[in-house]
Amino acid sequence: MVELADFVQVLNATSAVAVLLGVVFVVFQLRQNARVIKASNEQVQARILQNKSSIATSVVERFTDDSFTVRRKTVRDIIRKYQDVNWEGFPESAEDFEVRVFGSHYEFTAYLAREGIIDIHLGQSVLGHRVTFDWEVLRPAAEHYGKAWGKRYIFANFEWLAGESEKYLAEVERAMMPSPTTKAAAE
């Protein structure tokens, strides 16, 4: 008959083997989980890039659409008209809301760029000086809104984007200009 001591010894050996096998299984499972997590993260990153690309495309389409070009001209005319009469009759008019909508397009786009949702350099490259030109046109209206509403930062993201675009485009223009040695070699 098997003695209790022998039985305990067999149980100890069996439990040690079970623990070792359990550790091997846990390590294997952790490695497997790490691979699954890595693959999931890669899929998420790919989806994020796809979404950013989709947003950027949407933004570019919005700013290059013919109706937006017409809106740019309309807003220029509205601002010139009301600036000449010290904004008399402008508040809460249909033209006031037209200007607000126009500024909001840039404001929201600038916010997306500031948050990194769309690539700021892509926007600056595609829109070029349009951002800075449109900000210069909208600035008087933004200043009027600020005074009328008692707010300091009207279209602050748009203003930021215009400033950043101006810096970026100045760098691009400097890079495109031939250096003095290149000019001399060409002559």
N, C-alpha and C. Protein backbone atom coordinates (compact mmCIF):
# COMPACT_ATOMS: atom_id res chain seq x y z
N MET A 1 0.83 -1.17 0.00
CA MET A 1 0.00 0.00 0.00
C MET A 1 0.89 1.25 0.00
N VAL A 2 0.39 2.28 -0.67
CA VAL A 2 1.17 3.50 -0.82
C VAL A 2 1.08 4.28 0.48
N GLU A 3 2.24 4.69 0.90
CA GLU A 3 2.28 5.45 2.13
C GLU A 3 1.92 6.91 1.87
N LEU A 4 1.50 7.54 2.90
CA LEU A 4 1.10 8.94 2.83
C LEU A 4 2.28 9.82 2.41
N ALA A 5 3.45 9.57 2.87
CA ALA A 5 4.63 10.37 2.53
C ALA A 5 4.94 10.26 1.05
N ASP A 6 4.81 9.04 0.51
CA ASP A 6 5.06 8.87 -0.93
C ASP A 6 3.99 9.61 -1.75
N PHE A 7 2.77 9.54 -1.27
CA PHE A 7 1.67 10.21 -1.96
C PHE A 7 1.87 11.73 -1.96
N VAL A 8 2.29 12.28 -0.84
CA VAL A 8 2.54 13.71 -0.70
C VAL A 8 3.69 14.12 -1.63
N GLN A 9 4.70 13.25 -1.70
CA GLN A 9 5.85 13.53 -2.56
C GLN A 9 5.43 13.57 -4.04
N VAL A 10 4.59 12.64 -4.43
CA VAL A 10 4.08 12.62 -5.81
C VAL A 10 3.23 13.86 -6.07
N LEU A 11 2.41 14.23 -5.10
CA LEU A 11 1.59 15.45 -5.26
C LEU A 11 2.47 16.69 -5.38
N ASN A 12 3.51 16.78 -4.59
CA ASN A 12 4.44 17.93 -4.66
C ASN A 12 5.10 17.99 -6.03
N ALA A 13 5.55 16.87 -6.52
CA ALA A 13 6.20 16.84 -7.83
C ALA A 13 5.20 17.21 -8.93
N THR A 14 3.99 16.68 -8.82
CA THR A 14 2.95 16.98 -9.80
C THR A 14 2.59 18.46 -9.76
N SER A 15 2.45 19.02 -8.58
CA SER A 15 2.10 20.44 -8.47
C SER A 15 3.23 21.32 -9.00
N ALA A 16 4.47 20.93 -8.80
CA ALA A 16 5.60 21.70 -9.32
C ALA A 16 5.58 21.69 -10.85
N VAL A 17 5.32 20.50 -11.42
CA VAL A 17 5.22 20.40 -12.88
C VAL A 17 4.05 21.24 -13.38
N ALA A 18 2.92 21.19 -12.68
CA ALA A 18 1.74 21.96 -13.08
C ALA A 18 2.03 23.46 -13.03
N VAL A 19 2.73 23.91 -12.01
CA VAL A 19 3.09 25.32 -11.89
C VAL A 19 3.99 25.72 -13.05
N LEU A 20 4.99 24.90 -13.35
CA LEU A 20 5.90 25.19 -14.46
C LEU A 20 5.13 25.24 -15.79
N LEU A 21 4.27 24.28 -16.01
CA LEU A 21 3.46 24.30 -17.23
C LEU A 21 2.54 25.52 -17.27
N GLY A 22 2.01 25.88 -16.11
CA GLY A 22 1.16 27.08 -16.02
C GLY A 22 1.93 28.34 -16.38
N VAL A 23 3.16 28.44 -15.90
CA VAL A 23 4.00 29.61 -16.21
C VAL A 23 4.28 29.66 -17.71
N VAL A 24 4.62 28.50 -18.28
CA VAL A 24 4.87 28.44 -19.72
C VAL A 24 3.61 28.87 -20.49
N PHE A 25 2.46 28.39 -20.07
CA PHE A 25 1.20 28.75 -20.72
C PHE A 25 0.93 30.25 -20.59
N VAL A 26 1.14 30.83 -19.40
CA VAL A 26 0.90 32.25 -19.17
C VAL A 26 1.83 33.09 -20.04
N VAL A 27 3.11 32.72 -20.10
CA VAL A 27 4.06 33.45 -20.94
C VAL A 27 3.63 33.36 -22.41
N PHE A 28 3.26 32.19 -22.85
CA PHE A 28 2.79 32.01 -24.22
C PHE A 28 1.56 32.89 -24.48
N GLN A 29 0.63 32.87 -23.55
CA GLN A 29 -0.60 33.65 -23.69
C GLN A 29 -0.30 35.15 -23.70
N LEU A 30 0.62 35.60 -22.87
CA LEU A 30 0.98 37.02 -22.84
C LEU A 30 1.60 37.45 -24.17
N ARG A 31 2.46 36.59 -24.73
CA ARG A 31 3.05 36.91 -26.02
C ARG A 31 1.98 36.97 -27.11
N GLN A 32 1.07 36.03 -27.03
CA GLN A 32 -0.03 36.00 -28.01
C GLN A 32 -0.88 37.27 -27.87
N ASN A 33 -1.19 37.64 -26.65
CA ASN A 33 -1.97 38.86 -26.40
C ASN A 33 -1.23 40.10 -26.90
N ALA A 34 0.09 40.13 -26.70
CA ALA A 34 0.88 41.26 -27.16
C ALA A 34 0.80 41.39 -28.68
N ARG A 35 0.84 40.26 -29.38
CA ARG A 35 0.72 40.29 -30.84
C ARG A 35 -0.66 40.80 -31.27
N VAL A 36 -1.69 40.34 -30.57
CA VAL A 36 -3.05 40.78 -30.89
C VAL A 36 -3.19 42.27 -30.63
N ILE A 37 -2.66 42.73 -29.51
CA ILE A 37 -2.73 44.16 -29.17
C ILE A 37 -1.97 44.98 -30.19
N LYS A 38 -0.79 44.53 -30.58
CA LYS A 38 0.00 45.25 -31.58
C LYS A 38 -0.76 45.34 -32.90
N ALA A 39 -1.35 44.23 -33.32
CA ALA A 39 -2.12 44.23 -34.57
C ALA A 39 -3.32 45.17 -34.46
N SER A 40 -3.98 45.16 -33.31
CA SER A 40 -5.14 46.05 -33.10
C SER A 40 -4.70 47.51 -33.14
N ASN A 41 -3.57 47.81 -32.51
CA ASN A 41 -3.06 49.19 -32.51
C ASN A 41 -2.72 49.63 -33.93
N GLU A 42 -2.14 48.75 -34.71
CA GLU A 42 -1.81 49.08 -36.09
C GLU A 42 -3.08 49.35 -36.90
N GLN A 43 -4.12 48.56 -36.65
CA GLN A 43 -5.39 48.78 -37.34
C GLN A 43 -6.00 50.12 -36.93
N VAL A 44 -5.93 50.44 -35.64
CA VAL A 44 -6.46 51.71 -35.16
C VAL A 44 -5.69 52.86 -35.79
N GLN A 45 -4.36 52.76 -35.84
CA GLN A 45 -3.55 53.82 -36.45
C GLN A 45 -3.90 53.98 -37.93
N ALA A 46 -4.11 52.88 -38.61
CA ALA A 46 -4.49 52.93 -40.03
C ALA A 46 -5.85 53.62 -40.19
N ARG A 47 -6.78 53.30 -39.30
CA ARG A 47 -8.11 53.95 -39.36
C ARG A 47 -8.01 55.44 -39.07
N ILE A 48 -7.15 55.80 -38.10
CA ILE A 48 -6.96 57.22 -37.77
C ILE A 48 -6.41 57.96 -38.99
N LEU A 49 -5.40 57.39 -39.63
CA LEU A 49 -4.83 58.01 -40.83
C LEU A 49 -5.87 58.12 -41.94
N GLN A 50 -6.67 57.07 -42.08
CA GLN A 50 -7.72 57.09 -43.10
C GLN A 50 -8.73 58.20 -42.80
N ASN A 51 -9.12 58.34 -41.53
CA ASN A 51 -10.08 59.37 -41.14
C ASN A 51 -9.48 60.77 -41.34
N LYS A 52 -8.21 60.93 -40.95
CA LYS A 52 -7.56 62.23 -41.15
C LYS A 52 -7.51 62.58 -42.63
N SER A 53 -7.20 61.59 -43.44
CA SER A 53 -7.15 61.81 -44.88
C SER A 53 -8.52 62.21 -45.42
N SER A 54 -9.54 61.54 -44.93
CA SER A 54 -10.91 61.84 -45.36
C SER A 54 -11.30 63.26 -44.95
N ILE A 55 -10.94 63.65 -43.74
CA ILE A 55 -11.25 65.00 -43.26
C ILE A 55 -10.50 66.03 -44.09
N ALA A 56 -9.23 65.77 -44.35
CA ALA A 56 -8.42 66.70 -45.15
C ALA A 56 -9.01 66.85 -46.55
N THR A 57 -9.40 65.75 -47.14
CA THR A 57 -10.01 65.81 -48.47
C THR A 57 -11.29 66.63 -48.44
N SER A 58 -12.09 66.42 -47.42
CA SER A 58 -13.34 67.17 -47.27
C SER A 58 -13.07 68.67 -47.14
N VAL A 59 -12.05 69.01 -46.35
CA VAL A 59 -11.69 70.42 -46.17
C VAL A 59 -11.25 71.03 -47.49
N VAL A 60 -10.38 70.32 -48.19
CA VAL A 60 -9.90 70.82 -49.49
C VAL A 60 -11.07 70.99 -50.45
N GLU A 61 -11.97 70.03 -50.49
CA GLU A 61 -13.13 70.15 -51.37
C GLU A 61 -13.97 71.36 -51.02
N ARG A 62 -14.15 71.60 -49.73
CA ARG A 62 -14.97 72.73 -49.30
C ARG A 62 -14.35 74.05 -49.75
N PHE A 63 -13.03 74.19 -49.59
CA PHE A 63 -12.38 75.45 -49.91
C PHE A 63 -12.11 75.64 -51.40
N THR A 64 -12.18 74.59 -52.18
CA THR A 64 -11.94 74.72 -53.62
C THR A 64 -13.23 74.65 -54.43
N ASP A 65 -14.34 74.46 -53.76
CA ASP A 65 -15.63 74.41 -54.44
C ASP A 65 -15.96 75.79 -55.02
N ASP A 66 -16.59 75.81 -56.16
CA ASP A 66 -16.94 77.08 -56.81
C ASP A 66 -17.81 77.96 -55.93
N SER A 67 -18.73 77.36 -55.17
CA SER A 67 -19.61 78.15 -54.33
C SER A 67 -18.83 78.88 -53.23
N PHE A 68 -17.72 78.28 -52.78
CA PHE A 68 -16.92 78.96 -51.77
C PHE A 68 -16.20 80.16 -52.38
N THR A 69 -15.78 80.04 -53.62
CA THR A 69 -15.14 81.16 -54.31
C THR A 69 -16.13 82.32 -54.44
N VAL A 70 -17.35 82.01 -54.77
CA VAL A 70 -18.39 83.03 -54.85
C VAL A 70 -18.62 83.64 -53.47
N ARG A 71 -18.64 82.80 -52.44
CA ARG A 71 -18.84 83.29 -51.08
C ARG A 71 -17.70 84.22 -50.68
N ARG A 72 -16.47 83.91 -51.07
CA ARG A 72 -15.33 84.78 -50.76
C ARG A 72 -15.57 86.18 -51.32
N LYS A 73 -16.01 86.24 -52.57
CA LYS A 73 -16.28 87.53 -53.20
C LYS A 73 -17.42 88.25 -52.50
N THR A 74 -18.46 87.51 -52.17
CA THR A 74 -19.63 88.10 -51.50
C THR A 74 -19.22 88.68 -50.15
N VAL A 75 -18.44 87.95 -49.39
CA VAL A 75 -18.01 88.42 -48.06
C VAL A 75 -17.12 89.65 -48.20
N ARG A 76 -16.26 89.67 -49.19
CA ARG A 76 -15.42 90.86 -49.42
C ARG A 76 -16.30 92.09 -49.67
N ASP A 77 -17.31 91.92 -50.50
CA ASP A 77 -18.22 93.03 -50.81
C ASP A 77 -19.00 93.47 -49.57
N ILE A 78 -19.47 92.50 -48.80
CA ILE A 78 -20.24 92.81 -47.58
C ILE A 78 -19.39 93.60 -46.60
N ILE A 79 -18.19 93.13 -46.35
CA ILE A 79 -17.32 93.80 -45.37
C ILE A 79 -16.97 95.20 -45.85
N ARG A 80 -16.64 95.36 -47.12
CA ARG A 80 -16.32 96.68 -47.67
C ARG A 80 -17.53 97.62 -47.50
N LYS A 81 -18.73 97.11 -47.83
CA LYS A 81 -19.96 97.91 -47.76
C LYS A 81 -20.21 98.42 -46.34
N TYR A 82 -20.15 97.52 -45.36
CA TYR A 82 -20.50 97.91 -43.99
C TYR A 82 -19.36 98.62 -43.27
N GLN A 83 -18.14 98.35 -43.67
CA GLN A 83 -17.02 99.06 -43.06
C GLN A 83 -17.08 100.54 -43.45
N ASP A 84 -17.51 100.81 -44.68
CA ASP A 84 -17.62 102.19 -45.16
C ASP A 84 -18.69 102.99 -44.41
N VAL A 85 -19.69 102.31 -43.85
CA VAL A 85 -20.76 103.01 -43.11
C VAL A 85 -20.67 102.70 -41.61
N ASN A 86 -19.46 102.36 -41.15
CA ASN A 86 -19.21 102.10 -39.73
C ASN A 86 -20.11 101.02 -39.16
N TRP A 87 -20.38 99.99 -39.98
CA TRP A 87 -21.12 98.79 -39.59
C TRP A 87 -22.59 99.08 -39.27
N GLU A 88 -23.10 100.20 -39.71
CA GLU A 88 -24.50 100.57 -39.50
C GLU A 88 -25.41 99.60 -40.25
N GLY A 89 -26.36 99.00 -39.56
CA GLY A 89 -27.30 98.07 -40.16
C GLY A 89 -26.76 96.66 -40.35
N PHE A 90 -25.54 96.44 -39.95
CA PHE A 90 -24.90 95.13 -40.15
C PHE A 90 -25.32 94.08 -39.11
N PRO A 91 -25.36 94.44 -37.82
CA PRO A 91 -25.65 93.40 -36.81
C PRO A 91 -26.98 92.68 -37.06
N GLU A 92 -26.92 91.37 -36.99
CA GLU A 92 -28.08 90.48 -37.12
C GLU A 92 -28.72 90.50 -38.50
N SER A 93 -28.07 91.10 -39.47
CA SER A 93 -28.60 91.07 -40.83
C SER A 93 -28.23 89.74 -41.49
N ALA A 94 -28.84 89.47 -42.62
CA ALA A 94 -28.50 88.25 -43.36
C ALA A 94 -27.03 88.29 -43.78
N GLU A 95 -26.55 89.48 -44.11
CA GLU A 95 -25.14 89.62 -44.50
C GLU A 95 -24.21 89.37 -43.33
N ASP A 96 -24.63 89.77 -42.13
CA ASP A 96 -23.85 89.49 -40.91
C ASP A 96 -23.68 87.98 -40.76
N PHE A 97 -24.75 87.24 -40.94
CA PHE A 97 -24.67 85.78 -40.79
C PHE A 97 -23.85 85.16 -41.92
N GLU A 98 -23.89 85.75 -43.09
CA GLU A 98 -23.05 85.27 -44.20
C GLU A 98 -21.57 85.41 -43.84
N VAL A 99 -21.20 86.52 -43.25
CA VAL A 99 -19.81 86.74 -42.83
C VAL A 99 -19.44 85.76 -41.72
N ARG A 100 -20.35 85.55 -40.79
CA ARG A 100 -20.06 84.60 -39.69
C ARG A 100 -19.84 83.19 -40.21
N VAL A 101 -20.67 82.76 -41.15
CA VAL A 101 -20.53 81.42 -41.72
C VAL A 101 -19.20 81.29 -42.44
N PHE A 102 -18.85 82.31 -43.20
CA PHE A 102 -17.58 82.31 -43.91
C PHE A 102 -16.42 82.17 -42.93
N GLY A 103 -16.41 82.99 -41.90
CA GLY A 103 -15.34 82.92 -40.89
C GLY A 103 -15.34 81.60 -40.17
N SER A 104 -16.51 81.03 -39.95
CA SER A 104 -16.61 79.75 -39.24
C SER A 104 -15.97 78.61 -40.02
N HIS A 105 -16.05 78.65 -41.35
CA HIS A 105 -15.38 77.62 -42.16
C HIS A 105 -13.89 77.59 -41.83
N TYR A 106 -13.30 78.76 -41.85
CA TYR A 106 -11.86 78.85 -41.53
C TYR A 106 -11.61 78.54 -40.06
N GLU A 107 -12.48 79.01 -39.20
CA GLU A 107 -12.29 78.80 -37.75
C GLU A 107 -12.27 77.31 -37.42
N PHE A 108 -13.22 76.56 -37.96
CA PHE A 108 -13.28 75.13 -37.66
C PHE A 108 -12.12 74.38 -38.29
N THR A 109 -11.75 74.77 -39.50
CA THR A 109 -10.62 74.14 -40.15
C THR A 109 -9.33 74.41 -39.37
N ALA A 110 -9.17 75.64 -38.93
CA ALA A 110 -7.99 76.01 -38.15
C ALA A 110 -7.96 75.24 -36.83
N TYR A 111 -9.12 75.06 -36.21
CA TYR A 111 -9.18 74.29 -34.97
C TYR A 111 -8.72 72.85 -35.22
N LEU A 112 -9.19 72.24 -36.30
CA LEU A 112 -8.78 70.87 -36.63
C LEU A 112 -7.28 70.81 -36.87
N ALA A 113 -6.72 71.83 -37.51
CA ALA A 113 -5.27 71.86 -37.75
C ALA A 113 -4.53 72.05 -36.43
N ARG A 114 -5.04 72.91 -35.58
CA ARG A 114 -4.38 73.18 -34.29
C ARG A 114 -4.36 71.94 -33.41
N GLU A 115 -5.40 71.13 -33.50
CA GLU A 115 -5.50 69.91 -32.70
C GLU A 115 -4.79 68.72 -33.35
N GLY A 116 -4.28 68.91 -34.56
CA GLY A 116 -3.56 67.84 -35.24
C GLY A 116 -4.46 66.85 -35.95
N ILE A 117 -5.73 67.17 -36.06
CA ILE A 117 -6.66 66.27 -36.73
C ILE A 117 -6.43 66.30 -38.23
N ILE A 118 -6.10 67.48 -38.74
CA ILE A 118 -5.63 67.57 -40.12
C ILE A 118 -4.23 68.16 -40.08
N ASP A 119 -3.43 67.81 -41.04
CA ASP A 119 -2.05 68.27 -41.11
C ASP A 119 -2.02 69.73 -41.52
N ILE A 120 -1.46 70.56 -40.67
CA ILE A 120 -1.45 72.00 -40.92
C ILE A 120 -0.68 72.33 -42.20
N HIS A 121 0.42 71.64 -42.46
CA HIS A 121 1.22 71.94 -43.66
C HIS A 121 0.47 71.56 -44.93
N LEU A 122 -0.32 70.52 -44.87
CA LEU A 122 -1.13 70.17 -46.02
C LEU A 122 -2.11 71.30 -46.32
N GLY A 123 -2.79 71.77 -45.29
CA GLY A 123 -3.73 72.87 -45.46
C GLY A 123 -3.05 74.13 -45.97
N GLN A 124 -1.88 74.42 -45.42
CA GLN A 124 -1.16 75.61 -45.85
C GLN A 124 -0.70 75.48 -47.29
N SER A 125 -0.26 74.30 -47.66
CA SER A 125 0.21 74.08 -49.04
C SER A 125 -0.95 74.17 -50.03
N VAL A 126 -2.07 73.58 -49.67
CA VAL A 126 -3.22 73.56 -50.58
C VAL A 126 -3.88 74.93 -50.67
N LEU A 127 -4.09 75.56 -49.52
CA LEU A 127 -4.81 76.83 -49.52
C LEU A 127 -3.90 78.01 -49.84
N GLY A 128 -2.61 77.85 -49.62
CA GLY A 128 -1.65 78.90 -49.94
C GLY A 128 -1.97 80.22 -49.24
N HIS A 129 -1.83 81.29 -50.00
CA HIS A 129 -2.05 82.62 -49.44
C HIS A 129 -3.52 82.94 -49.24
N ARG A 130 -4.39 82.07 -49.69
CA ARG A 130 -5.84 82.30 -49.53
C ARG A 130 -6.19 82.53 -48.07
N VAL A 131 -5.56 81.76 -47.17
CA VAL A 131 -5.85 81.90 -45.74
C VAL A 131 -5.48 83.29 -45.26
N THR A 132 -4.29 83.74 -45.61
CA THR A 132 -3.85 85.05 -45.12
C THR A 132 -4.64 86.18 -45.79
N PHE A 133 -4.94 86.04 -47.08
CA PHE A 133 -5.73 87.07 -47.76
C PHE A 133 -7.13 87.17 -47.15
N ASP A 134 -7.74 86.02 -46.92
CA ASP A 134 -9.11 86.02 -46.36
C ASP A 134 -9.12 86.52 -44.92
N TRP A 135 -8.06 86.24 -44.17
CA TRP A 135 -8.00 86.76 -42.80
C TRP A 135 -7.91 88.29 -42.84
N GLU A 136 -7.08 88.82 -43.72
CA GLU A 136 -6.94 90.27 -43.82
C GLU A 136 -8.28 90.92 -44.17
N VAL A 137 -9.06 90.26 -45.00
CA VAL A 137 -10.38 90.78 -45.36
C VAL A 137 -11.34 90.67 -44.17
N LEU A 138 -11.28 89.55 -43.45
CA LEU A 138 -12.23 89.32 -42.35
C LEU A 138 -11.83 90.05 -41.06
N ARG A 139 -10.57 90.43 -40.93
CA ARG A 139 -10.11 91.05 -39.68
C ARG A 139 -10.98 92.22 -39.23
N PRO A 140 -11.35 93.17 -40.11
CA PRO A 140 -12.20 94.28 -39.64
C PRO A 140 -13.54 93.80 -39.07
N ALA A 141 -14.12 92.79 -39.69
CA ALA A 141 -15.38 92.26 -39.17
C ALA A 141 -15.15 91.59 -37.82
N ALA A 142 -14.05 90.86 -37.68
CA ALA A 142 -13.73 90.22 -36.40
C ALA A 142 -13.53 91.26 -35.32
N GLU A 143 -12.86 92.36 -35.67
CA GLU A 143 -12.66 93.45 -34.70
C GLU A 143 -14.00 94.08 -34.33
N HIS A 144 -14.88 94.25 -35.32
CA HIS A 144 -16.22 94.79 -35.05
C HIS A 144 -16.99 93.86 -34.10
N TYR A 145 -16.95 92.57 -34.39
CA TYR A 145 -17.63 91.61 -33.51
C TYR A 145 -17.07 91.69 -32.10
N GLY A 146 -15.77 91.77 -32.00
CA GLY A 146 -15.14 91.84 -30.68
C GLY A 146 -15.63 93.04 -29.87
N LYS A 147 -15.71 94.20 -30.53
CA LYS A 147 -16.19 95.41 -29.85
C LYS A 147 -17.68 95.29 -29.52
N ALA A 148 -18.46 94.82 -30.50
CA ALA A 148 -19.91 94.74 -30.32
C ALA A 148 -20.29 93.71 -29.26
N TRP A 149 -19.58 92.61 -29.19
CA TRP A 149 -19.93 91.54 -28.26
C TRP A 149 -19.12 91.58 -26.97
N GLY A 150 -18.14 92.47 -26.92
CA GLY A 150 -17.31 92.54 -25.72
C GLY A 150 -16.43 91.31 -25.55
N LYS A 151 -16.02 90.73 -26.64
CA LYS A 151 -15.17 89.53 -26.62
C LYS A 151 -13.82 89.88 -27.22
N ARG A 152 -12.78 89.25 -26.73
CA ARG A 152 -11.44 89.53 -27.24
C ARG A 152 -11.06 88.67 -28.43
N TYR A 153 -11.44 87.43 -28.40
CA TYR A 153 -10.94 86.49 -29.40
C TYR A 153 -12.07 85.99 -30.29
N ILE A 154 -12.30 86.70 -31.36
CA ILE A 154 -13.28 86.28 -32.35
C ILE A 154 -12.49 85.68 -33.51
N PHE A 155 -12.83 84.48 -33.88
CA PHE A 155 -12.12 83.75 -34.93
C PHE A 155 -10.63 83.62 -34.59
N ALA A 156 -10.34 83.30 -33.34
CA ALA A 156 -8.95 83.20 -32.88
C ALA A 156 -8.18 82.10 -33.59
N ASN A 157 -8.83 81.00 -33.87
CA ASN A 157 -8.13 79.91 -34.57
C ASN A 157 -7.84 80.30 -36.02
N PHE A 158 -8.76 81.00 -36.64
CA PHE A 158 -8.55 81.49 -38.00
C PHE A 158 -7.35 82.44 -38.02
N GLU A 159 -7.31 83.35 -37.05
CA GLU A 159 -6.20 84.30 -36.96
C GLU A 159 -4.87 83.55 -36.76
N TRP A 160 -4.90 82.54 -35.89
CA TRP A 160 -3.70 81.72 -35.65
C TRP A 160 -3.25 81.04 -36.94
N LEU A 161 -4.20 80.42 -37.66
CA LEU A 161 -3.86 79.73 -38.90
C LEU A 161 -3.28 80.70 -39.93
N ALA A 162 -3.84 81.89 -40.01
CA ALA A 162 -3.32 82.89 -40.95
C ALA A 162 -1.88 83.25 -40.59
N GLY A 163 -1.61 83.44 -39.31
CA GLY A 163 -0.25 83.76 -38.88
C GLY A 163 0.72 82.63 -39.17
N GLU A 164 0.31 81.41 -38.86
CA GLU A 164 1.16 80.24 -39.13
C GLU A 164 1.36 80.04 -40.63
N SER A 165 0.32 80.29 -41.39
CA SER A 165 0.42 80.14 -42.85
C SER A 165 1.37 81.18 -43.44
N GLU A 166 1.30 82.39 -42.91
CA GLU A 166 2.20 83.43 -43.39
C GLU A 166 3.66 83.04 -43.14
N LYS A 167 3.95 82.52 -41.95
CA LYS A 167 5.31 82.07 -41.64
C LYS A 167 5.72 80.93 -42.56
N TYR A 168 4.85 79.95 -42.71
CA TYR A 168 5.13 78.78 -43.53
C TYR A 168 5.39 79.17 -44.98
N LEU A 169 4.53 80.01 -45.51
CA LEU A 169 4.68 80.41 -46.91
C LEU A 169 5.92 81.27 -47.13
N ALA A 170 6.31 82.06 -46.14
CA ALA A 170 7.56 82.83 -46.24
C ALA A 170 8.75 81.87 -46.30
N GLU A 171 8.71 80.80 -45.50
CA GLU A 171 9.77 79.80 -45.54
C GLU A 171 9.82 79.11 -46.91
N VAL A 172 8.66 78.76 -47.42
CA VAL A 172 8.60 78.10 -48.73
C VAL A 172 9.15 79.02 -49.81
N GLU A 173 8.77 80.29 -49.75
CA GLU A 173 9.26 81.24 -50.75
C GLU A 173 10.77 81.43 -50.65
N ARG A 174 11.30 81.49 -49.42
CA ARG A 174 12.76 81.60 -49.24
C ARG A 174 13.46 80.38 -49.80
N ALA A 175 12.88 79.21 -49.56
CA ALA A 175 13.49 77.97 -50.06
C ALA A 175 13.46 77.91 -51.59
N MET A 176 12.47 78.53 -52.19
CA MET A 176 12.34 78.49 -53.64
C MET A 176 13.21 79.53 -54.34
N MET A 177 13.63 80.54 -53.59
CA MET A 177 14.46 81.59 -54.19
C MET A 177 15.87 81.05 -54.40
N PRO A 178 16.45 81.32 -55.54
CA PRO A 178 17.81 80.86 -55.77
C PRO A 178 18.79 81.58 -54.87
N SER A 179 19.79 80.87 -54.41
CA SER A 179 20.81 81.47 -53.55
C SER A 179 21.71 82.35 -54.41
N PRO A 180 22.48 83.26 -53.81
CA PRO A 180 23.39 84.12 -54.60
C PRO A 180 24.39 83.31 -55.43
N THR A 181 24.85 82.18 -54.90
CA THR A 181 25.81 81.36 -55.67
C THR A 181 25.12 80.71 -56.86
N THR A 182 23.85 80.31 -56.69
CA THR A 182 23.11 79.72 -57.79
C THR A 182 22.86 80.77 -58.88
N LYS A 183 22.54 82.00 -58.45
CA LYS A 183 22.32 83.08 -59.42
C LYS A 183 23.59 83.35 -60.21
N ALA A 184 24.72 83.42 -59.51
CA ALA A 184 25.99 83.70 -60.17
C ALA A 184 26.37 82.61 -61.15
N ALA A 185 26.10 81.37 -60.79
CA ALA A 185 26.41 80.23 -61.66
C ALA A 185 25.53 80.25 -62.91
N ALA A 186 24.29 80.70 -62.76
CA ALA A 186 23.37 80.73 -63.88
C ALA A 186 23.74 81.83 -64.88
N GLU A 187 24.36 82.88 -64.38
CA GLU A 187 24.74 84.00 -65.25
C GLU A 187 26.00 83.67 -65.92
